[in-house]
């Protein structure tokens, strides 16, 4: 929470972006502060946050796609096993970057947030509840995993990152239609990986 004590409940993309700016301050911001800003106990907003970071200018930081993919993987696995309080290692929570990059990403996202939020609403709500939440989380696990090879290709992680963002938006807004859209997005990402597999194997450094 910032000096003014501002707290914005995260219910959609626009309130997520507002919360990230209002509840952080200073030149640098840590992952711990971002999670505190959106509500660390809420899986939907956290996945929405991770997806937003993965498609924002923050990914210009070398290795950022793989870092976000790893954090997403850890969170998603905890949803699958039913852990109520998300956990991250201290080294990940203390990871920091320039807040100016965050503000830049929020500014870019706000151009589309109103349009996105106008399209989402509670519908097919059962798809955002158990046991479908665990299915969503498992797809996020796979989306995070394919980020690693796709991270070797320019703009490669975009579709799996968008998958996580859409799933986070779906759980936050309780919109089952967005769950289906996110699943289709992941299907597209998986298809790209399959088609590019020979090239990705050549690029993989290990």
Protein backbone atom coordinates (compact mmCIF):
# COMPACT_ATOMS: atom_id res chain seq x y z
CA UNK A 1 0.00 0.00 0.00
CA UNK A 2 1.31 3.47 -0.82
CA UNK A 3 1.70 6.45 1.46
CA UNK A 4 -1.89 7.56 0.86
CA UNK A 5 -3.16 4.10 1.86
CA UNK A 6 -4.94 3.59 -1.44
CA UNK A 7 -6.46 0.16 -2.00
CA UNK A 8 -8.16 -0.75 -5.27
CA UNK A 9 -9.97 -4.12 -5.31
CA UNK A 10 -8.94 -6.00 -8.44
CA UNK A 11 -12.05 -7.08 -10.35
CA UNK A 12 -10.94 -6.59 -13.97
CA UNK A 13 -7.99 -5.45 -16.09
CA UNK A 14 -8.50 -1.72 -15.46
CA UNK A 15 -8.57 -2.06 -11.68
CA UNK A 16 -5.47 -4.28 -11.85
CA UNK A 17 -3.57 -1.55 -13.71
CA UNK A 18 -4.77 1.16 -11.33
CA UNK A 19 -3.78 -0.92 -8.31
CA UNK A 20 -0.27 -1.52 -9.65
CA UNK A 21 0.36 2.22 -9.96
CA UNK A 22 -1.45 3.41 -6.83
CA UNK A 23 -0.03 0.78 -4.50
CA UNK A 24 3.64 0.99 -5.52
CA UNK A 25 6.14 3.80 -5.23
CA UNK A 26 9.82 4.67 -5.53
CA UNK A 27 12.31 4.10 -8.33
CA UNK A 28 12.28 0.30 -8.07
CA UNK A 29 9.48 -2.16 -7.39
CA UNK A 30 9.74 -5.77 -6.22
CA UNK A 31 7.62 -8.80 -7.06
CA UNK A 32 6.56 -8.83 -3.39
CA UNK A 33 5.14 -5.31 -3.76
CA UNK A 34 3.28 -6.23 -6.94
CA UNK A 35 1.67 -9.24 -5.30
CA UNK A 36 0.71 -7.15 -2.28
CA UNK A 37 -0.83 -4.57 -4.61
CA UNK A 38 -3.16 -7.05 -6.33
CA UNK A 39 -3.90 -9.32 -3.38
CA UNK A 40 -1.51 -12.22 -3.00
CA UNK A 41 -4.18 -14.65 -1.77
CA UNK A 42 -6.30 -14.27 -4.91
CA UNK A 43 -5.16 -16.58 -7.72
CA UNK A 44 -7.16 -14.86 -10.48
CA UNK A 45 -5.61 -11.40 -10.03
CA UNK A 46 -2.14 -12.94 -9.58
CA UNK A 47 -2.41 -14.85 -12.87
CA UNK A 48 -3.77 -11.69 -14.49
CA UNK A 49 -0.77 -9.77 -13.13
CA UNK A 50 1.72 -12.36 -14.39
CA UNK A 51 0.10 -12.46 -17.82
CA UNK A 52 0.11 -8.66 -18.02
CA UNK A 53 3.80 -8.47 -17.09
CA UNK A 54 4.62 -11.13 -19.68
CA UNK A 55 3.04 -9.13 -22.53
CA UNK A 56 4.21 -5.71 -21.31
CA UNK A 57 7.44 -3.73 -21.96
CA UNK A 58 8.82 -5.26 -18.75
CA UNK A 59 9.90 -8.25 -20.81
CA UNK A 60 12.66 -6.18 -22.41
CA UNK A 61 14.69 -7.11 -19.31
CA UNK A 62 16.95 -10.04 -20.35
CA UNK A 63 15.52 -13.31 -19.07
CA UNK A 64 12.26 -11.68 -17.94
CA UNK A 65 10.08 -14.05 -19.97
CA UNK A 66 11.71 -17.07 -18.33
CA UNK A 67 11.47 -15.49 -14.87
CA UNK A 68 7.76 -14.73 -15.26
CA UNK A 69 7.22 -18.19 -16.73
CA UNK A 70 8.87 -19.74 -13.67
CA UNK A 71 6.75 -17.70 -11.25
CA UNK A 72 3.63 -18.62 -13.23
CA UNK A 73 4.63 -22.28 -13.10
CA UNK A 74 5.05 -22.17 -9.31
CA UNK A 75 1.71 -20.44 -8.76
CA UNK A 76 -0.22 -22.62 -11.18
CA UNK A 77 1.14 -25.82 -9.62
CA UNK A 78 -0.07 -24.62 -6.23
CA UNK A 79 -3.57 -24.11 -7.62
CA UNK A 80 -3.50 -27.65 -9.04
CA UNK A 81 -2.63 -29.17 -5.66
CA UNK A 82 -5.16 -26.97 -3.85
CA UNK A 83 -2.81 -24.82 -1.80
CA UNK A 84 -4.83 -21.90 -0.39
CA UNK A 85 -1.95 -19.51 0.31
CA UNK A 86 0.41 -19.05 -2.66
CA UNK A 87 4.12 -19.36 -1.90
CA UNK A 88 7.20 -18.06 -3.68
CA UNK A 89 10.88 -18.31 -2.74
CA UNK A 90 12.31 -15.18 -1.13
CA UNK A 91 14.70 -14.65 -4.05
CA UNK A 92 11.74 -14.39 -6.43
CA UNK A 93 9.78 -12.09 -4.11
CA UNK A 94 12.79 -9.77 -3.77
CA UNK A 95 13.39 -9.55 -7.53
CA UNK A 96 13.13 -5.87 -8.51
CA UNK A 97 13.03 -3.72 -11.62
CA UNK A 98 12.56 -0.06 -12.53
CA UNK A 99 9.10 1.20 -11.65
CA UNK A 100 9.22 3.39 -14.76
CA UNK A 101 8.91 0.21 -16.84
CA UNK A 102 5.82 -0.75 -14.85
CA UNK A 103 4.25 2.68 -15.37
CA UNK A 104 5.08 2.48 -19.08
CA UNK A 105 3.40 -0.91 -19.32
CA UNK A 106 0.33 0.30 -17.43
CA UNK A 107 0.05 3.30 -19.73
CA UNK A 108 0.11 1.04 -22.77
CA UNK A 109 -2.39 -1.38 -21.23
CA UNK A 110 -4.87 1.33 -20.25
CA UNK A 111 -5.46 2.07 -23.93
CA UNK A 112 -7.15 -1.32 -24.26
CA UNK A 113 -8.37 -2.01 -20.71
CA UNK A 114 -11.73 -0.29 -21.15
CA UNK A 115 -12.45 -2.24 -24.33
CA UNK A 116 -11.44 -5.53 -22.72
CA UNK A 117 -13.44 -4.92 -19.54
CA UNK A 118 -16.52 -3.96 -21.55
CA UNK A 119 -16.53 -7.46 -23.05
CA UNK A 120 -16.15 -9.49 -19.84
CA UNK A 121 -18.88 -10.23 -17.31
CA UNK A 122 -20.00 -13.14 -15.13
CA UNK A 123 -21.22 -15.93 -17.46
CA UNK A 124 -20.70 -19.68 -17.60
CA UNK A 125 -19.46 -19.09 -14.07
CA UNK A 126 -19.12 -22.84 -13.38
CA UNK A 127 -16.04 -22.83 -15.65
CA UNK A 128 -14.29 -20.52 -13.17
CA UNK A 129 -14.98 -22.77 -10.18
CA UNK A 130 -13.64 -26.10 -8.97
CA UNK A 131 -12.84 -28.54 -10.57
CA UNK A 132 -12.41 -26.39 -13.70
CA UNK A 133 -10.07 -24.04 -11.83
CA UNK A 134 -7.62 -26.92 -11.49
CA UNK A 135 -7.93 -27.60 -15.23
CA UNK A 136 -7.23 -23.92 -15.93
CA UNK A 137 -4.22 -24.08 -13.63
CA UNK A 138 -2.86 -27.17 -15.39
CA UNK A 139 -3.10 -25.41 -18.76
CA UNK A 140 -1.23 -22.46 -17.21
CA UNK A 141 1.47 -24.94 -16.14
CA UNK A 142 1.88 -26.08 -19.74
CA UNK A 143 1.75 -22.47 -20.97
CA UNK A 144 4.57 -21.60 -18.58
CA UNK A 145 6.60 -24.62 -19.69
CA UNK A 146 6.42 -23.82 -23.40
CA UNK A 147 7.55 -20.27 -22.60
CA UNK A 148 11.07 -21.64 -22.08
CA UNK A 149 11.69 -22.84 -25.66
CA UNK A 150 9.61 -20.04 -27.19
CA UNK A 151 11.69 -17.52 -25.25
CA UNK A 152 14.47 -18.21 -27.73
CA UNK A 153 12.34 -16.77 -30.54
CA UNK A 154 11.41 -13.05 -30.85
CA UNK A 155 7.79 -12.60 -29.67
CA UNK A 156 7.63 -16.37 -29.18
CA UNK A 157 6.25 -16.24 -25.60
CA UNK A 158 3.39 -13.91 -26.61
CA UNK A 159 0.66 -16.55 -27.06
CA UNK A 160 1.38 -18.57 -23.89
CA UNK A 161 1.64 -15.29 -21.97
CA UNK A 162 -1.67 -14.14 -23.42
CA UNK A 163 -3.14 -17.48 -22.35
CA UNK A 164 -2.17 -16.81 -18.72
CA UNK A 165 -3.49 -13.24 -18.92
CA UNK A 166 -6.85 -14.41 -20.27
CA UNK A 167 -7.17 -17.15 -17.68
CA UNK A 168 -6.38 -14.63 -14.95
CA UNK A 169 -8.98 -12.25 -16.37
CA UNK A 170 -11.51 -15.09 -16.58
CA UNK A 171 -11.04 -16.12 -12.94
CA UNK A 172 -11.05 -12.51 -11.74
CA UNK A 173 -14.21 -11.53 -13.65
CA UNK A 174 -15.78 -15.03 -13.36
CA UNK A 175 -16.24 -15.21 -17.12
CA UNK A 176 -16.33 -18.75 -18.49
CA UNK A 177 -16.39 -17.52 -22.08
CA UNK A 178 -12.92 -16.04 -21.54
CA UNK A 179 -11.82 -19.42 -20.15
CA UNK A 180 -12.76 -20.98 -23.49
CA UNK A 181 -10.99 -18.20 -25.39
CA UNK A 182 -7.86 -18.70 -23.31
CA UNK A 183 -7.95 -22.44 -24.02
CA UNK A 184 -8.07 -21.71 -27.76
CA UNK A 185 -5.14 -19.32 -27.37
CA UNK A 186 -3.12 -22.03 -25.65
CA UNK A 187 -4.00 -24.43 -28.46
CA UNK A 188 -2.50 -21.95 -30.92
CA UNK A 189 0.65 -21.65 -28.81
CA UNK A 190 1.01 -25.42 -28.55
CA UNK A 191 0.59 -25.76 -32.32
CA UNK A 192 3.37 -23.22 -32.89
CA UNK A 193 5.69 -25.16 -30.57
CA UNK A 194 4.98 -28.42 -32.40
CA UNK A 195 5.63 -26.85 -35.82
CA UNK A 196 8.78 -25.05 -34.67
CA UNK A 197 10.16 -27.93 -32.59
CA UNK A 198 13.07 -28.81 -34.95
CA UNK A 199 14.19 -25.16 -35.07
CA UNK A 200 13.74 -24.72 -31.31
CA UNK A 201 15.90 -27.77 -30.63
CA UNK A 202 18.68 -26.24 -32.73
CA UNK A 203 18.44 -22.96 -30.80
CA UNK A 204 18.32 -24.56 -27.35
CA UNK A 205 21.74 -23.97 -25.74
CA UNK A 206 21.91 -27.20 -23.70
